Amino acid sequence: MKVKLAAVIVSLVAGAIFLVVSSSGDAGHPHYQLTEFHEILKESPHKLNNRFMTVYGKVKEGTITRQGVKANFVIEQEGKELAIFFTGKTLLPDTFKEGADATIDGTYDGQKRLFVADKVMAKCASKYKAIAEDQS
C-alpha cells in the first residue's frame, strides 16, 4: 500500500515538474533596454538573431512611416538607435507617436539589421505627466 502511494506521489510530482518546465520556455523571454540590446549586439550578435524578445526605447522624432496597418520607425535611447518594422499583426495603440516611450515585442533580423515587431505598446509621457500634475 505504501509503495503504491509513493509511486502515485512521485508520478504527480514528476508530472507537475514536466508541465512547469515545458510551459515556461515561451513565457520567459528576455527584456532589454535599447542600450543593453546594443551592448549584446556588439559583443555577441548571434545571441539576438531571430530570438523573440522585448526591447524598450523612445520613438525617434520624424521616423514613423505607415503602410496601411504596417509601420516603420526608429527607437532611440542614449544615442543608440534601432530600426523597427511593425508587421501589423496587432494594432498600434493610440498613444503611439513620435517621442513616446515604447515597448516592442518581436525578433531581430541580423542580416537586415531590423527588429521585426509583432506588438508595440506605447505611453506618451506628456499625457501621463499632465494627469499627474492635475491630481497634485
Protein backbone atom coordinates (compact mmCIF):
# COMPACT_ATOMS: atom_id res chain seq x y z
CA MET A 1 0.00 0.00 0.00
CA LYS A 2 2.80 2.45 0.92
CA VAL A 3 4.69 1.57 -2.28
CA LYS A 4 1.63 2.36 -4.42
CA LEU A 5 1.08 5.66 -2.60
CA ALA A 6 4.75 6.60 -3.04
CA ALA A 7 4.56 5.73 -6.76
CA VAL A 8 1.47 7.93 -7.19
CA ILE A 9 3.11 10.85 -5.37
CA VAL A 10 6.32 10.52 -7.43
CA SER A 11 4.25 10.41 -10.65
CA LEU A 12 2.29 13.53 -9.67
CA VAL A 13 5.44 15.47 -8.75
CA ALA A 14 7.18 14.39 -11.98
CA GLY A 15 4.13 15.44 -14.00
CA ALA A 16 3.99 18.82 -12.29
CA ILE A 17 7.69 19.42 -12.92
CA PHE A 18 7.28 18.44 -16.58
CA LEU A 19 4.37 20.89 -17.01
CA VAL A 20 6.28 23.77 -15.42
CA VAL A 21 9.42 23.16 -17.47
CA SER A 22 7.63 22.65 -20.79
CA SER A 23 5.34 25.66 -20.45
CA SER A 24 7.90 28.16 -19.19
CA GLY A 25 10.06 28.13 -22.32
CA ASP A 26 7.94 30.56 -24.33
CA ALA A 27 6.85 32.72 -21.41
CA GLY A 28 10.37 33.54 -20.32
CA HIS A 29 11.83 35.77 -23.00
CA PRO A 30 14.48 38.43 -22.48
CA HIS A 31 13.70 42.10 -21.94
CA TYR A 32 16.32 44.71 -22.91
CA GLN A 33 16.67 48.45 -22.68
CA LEU A 34 17.94 49.62 -26.06
CA THR A 35 21.38 50.37 -24.61
CA GLU A 36 21.61 46.78 -23.27
CA PHE A 37 20.48 45.44 -26.65
CA HIS A 38 23.32 47.31 -28.39
CA GLU A 39 25.90 46.06 -25.88
CA ILE A 40 24.89 42.45 -26.57
CA LEU A 41 24.73 43.12 -30.31
CA LYS A 42 28.30 44.41 -30.21
CA GLU A 43 29.66 41.50 -28.11
CA SER A 44 27.57 38.51 -29.26
CA PRO A 45 25.23 39.31 -32.16
CA HIS A 46 24.30 35.63 -32.59
CA LYS A 47 22.56 35.73 -29.18
CA LEU A 48 19.97 38.18 -30.52
CA ASN A 49 19.43 36.94 -34.06
CA ASN A 50 15.92 35.53 -34.64
CA ARG A 51 15.18 35.32 -30.92
CA PHE A 52 11.88 36.57 -29.50
CA MET A 53 12.45 39.44 -27.06
CA THR A 54 11.15 42.74 -25.74
CA VAL A 55 13.06 45.98 -26.34
CA TYR A 56 12.39 49.37 -24.71
CA GLY A 57 13.16 52.79 -26.17
CA LYS A 58 11.68 56.11 -27.27
CA VAL A 59 10.15 56.60 -30.73
CA LYS A 60 12.52 58.91 -32.61
CA GLU A 61 11.07 62.14 -33.99
CA GLY A 62 10.37 62.11 -37.74
CA THR A 63 10.86 58.38 -38.29
CA ILE A 64 7.33 56.95 -38.41
CA THR A 65 6.16 55.87 -41.85
CA ARG A 66 2.95 53.85 -42.22
CA GLN A 67 1.84 51.48 -44.95
CA GLY A 68 -1.73 50.55 -44.01
CA VAL A 69 -1.54 48.64 -40.72
CA LYS A 70 2.23 48.17 -41.06
CA ALA A 71 4.78 50.76 -39.99
CA ASN A 72 8.48 51.53 -39.96
CA PHE A 73 10.08 53.66 -37.26
CA VAL A 74 13.21 54.03 -35.16
CA ILE A 75 13.56 53.84 -31.41
CA GLU A 76 16.38 55.57 -29.57
CA GLN A 77 17.99 55.68 -26.15
CA GLU A 78 21.19 57.44 -25.05
CA GLY A 79 22.41 57.92 -28.63
CA LYS A 80 21.68 54.33 -29.67
CA GLU A 81 19.07 53.58 -32.37
CA LEU A 82 17.22 50.56 -33.69
CA ALA A 83 15.14 50.35 -36.87
CA ILE A 84 11.75 48.71 -36.34
CA PHE A 85 9.36 47.13 -38.83
CA PHE A 86 5.90 46.65 -37.32
CA THR A 87 4.04 43.76 -39.02
CA GLY A 88 0.52 44.95 -38.26
CA LYS A 89 -0.48 41.64 -36.62
CA THR A 90 -1.88 43.74 -33.76
CA LEU A 91 -3.00 47.35 -33.79
CA LEU A 92 -0.72 50.21 -32.89
CA PRO A 93 -2.00 51.92 -29.73
CA ASP A 94 -3.47 55.42 -29.83
CA THR A 95 -0.56 56.59 -27.67
CA PHE A 96 1.98 55.52 -30.32
CA LYS A 97 3.57 58.67 -31.71
CA GLU A 98 6.91 60.39 -32.01
CA GLY A 99 8.59 60.86 -28.64
CA ALA A 100 6.52 58.14 -26.93
CA ASP A 101 8.16 55.56 -24.68
CA ALA A 102 7.72 52.24 -26.47
CA THR A 103 7.79 48.58 -25.53
CA ILE A 104 8.35 46.41 -28.58
CA ASP A 105 7.92 42.62 -28.82
CA GLY A 106 9.45 40.76 -31.75
CA THR A 107 12.61 39.30 -33.25
CA TYR A 108 15.85 40.80 -34.52
CA ASP A 109 16.89 40.07 -38.12
CA GLY A 110 20.67 40.45 -38.03
CA GLN A 111 21.08 40.27 -41.82
CA LYS A 112 18.74 43.22 -42.38
CA ARG A 113 19.70 44.96 -39.11
CA LEU A 114 16.00 45.28 -38.46
CA PHE A 115 13.79 44.46 -35.48
CA VAL A 116 10.56 42.84 -36.70
CA ALA A 117 7.82 43.71 -34.21
CA ASP A 118 4.51 41.91 -33.75
CA LYS A 119 3.36 44.04 -30.82
CA VAL A 120 4.02 47.63 -29.81
CA MET A 121 2.92 49.30 -26.60
CA ALA A 122 3.48 52.99 -26.04
CA LYS A 123 2.86 55.64 -23.46
CA CYS A 124 3.00 59.32 -24.08
CA ALA A 125 5.00 60.83 -21.23
CA SER A 126 3.38 64.25 -21.63
CA LYS A 127 -0.13 62.77 -21.35
CA TYR A 128 0.64 60.99 -18.09
CA LYS A 129 2.63 63.93 -16.74
CA ALA A 130 -0.36 66.23 -17.29
CA ILE A 131 -2.67 63.81 -15.45
CA ALA A 132 -0.24 63.57 -12.52
CA GLU A 133 0.03 67.37 -12.31
CA ASP A 134 -3.79 67.70 -12.32
CA GLN A 135 -4.05 65.28 -9.38
CA SER A 136 -1.48 67.19 -7.29
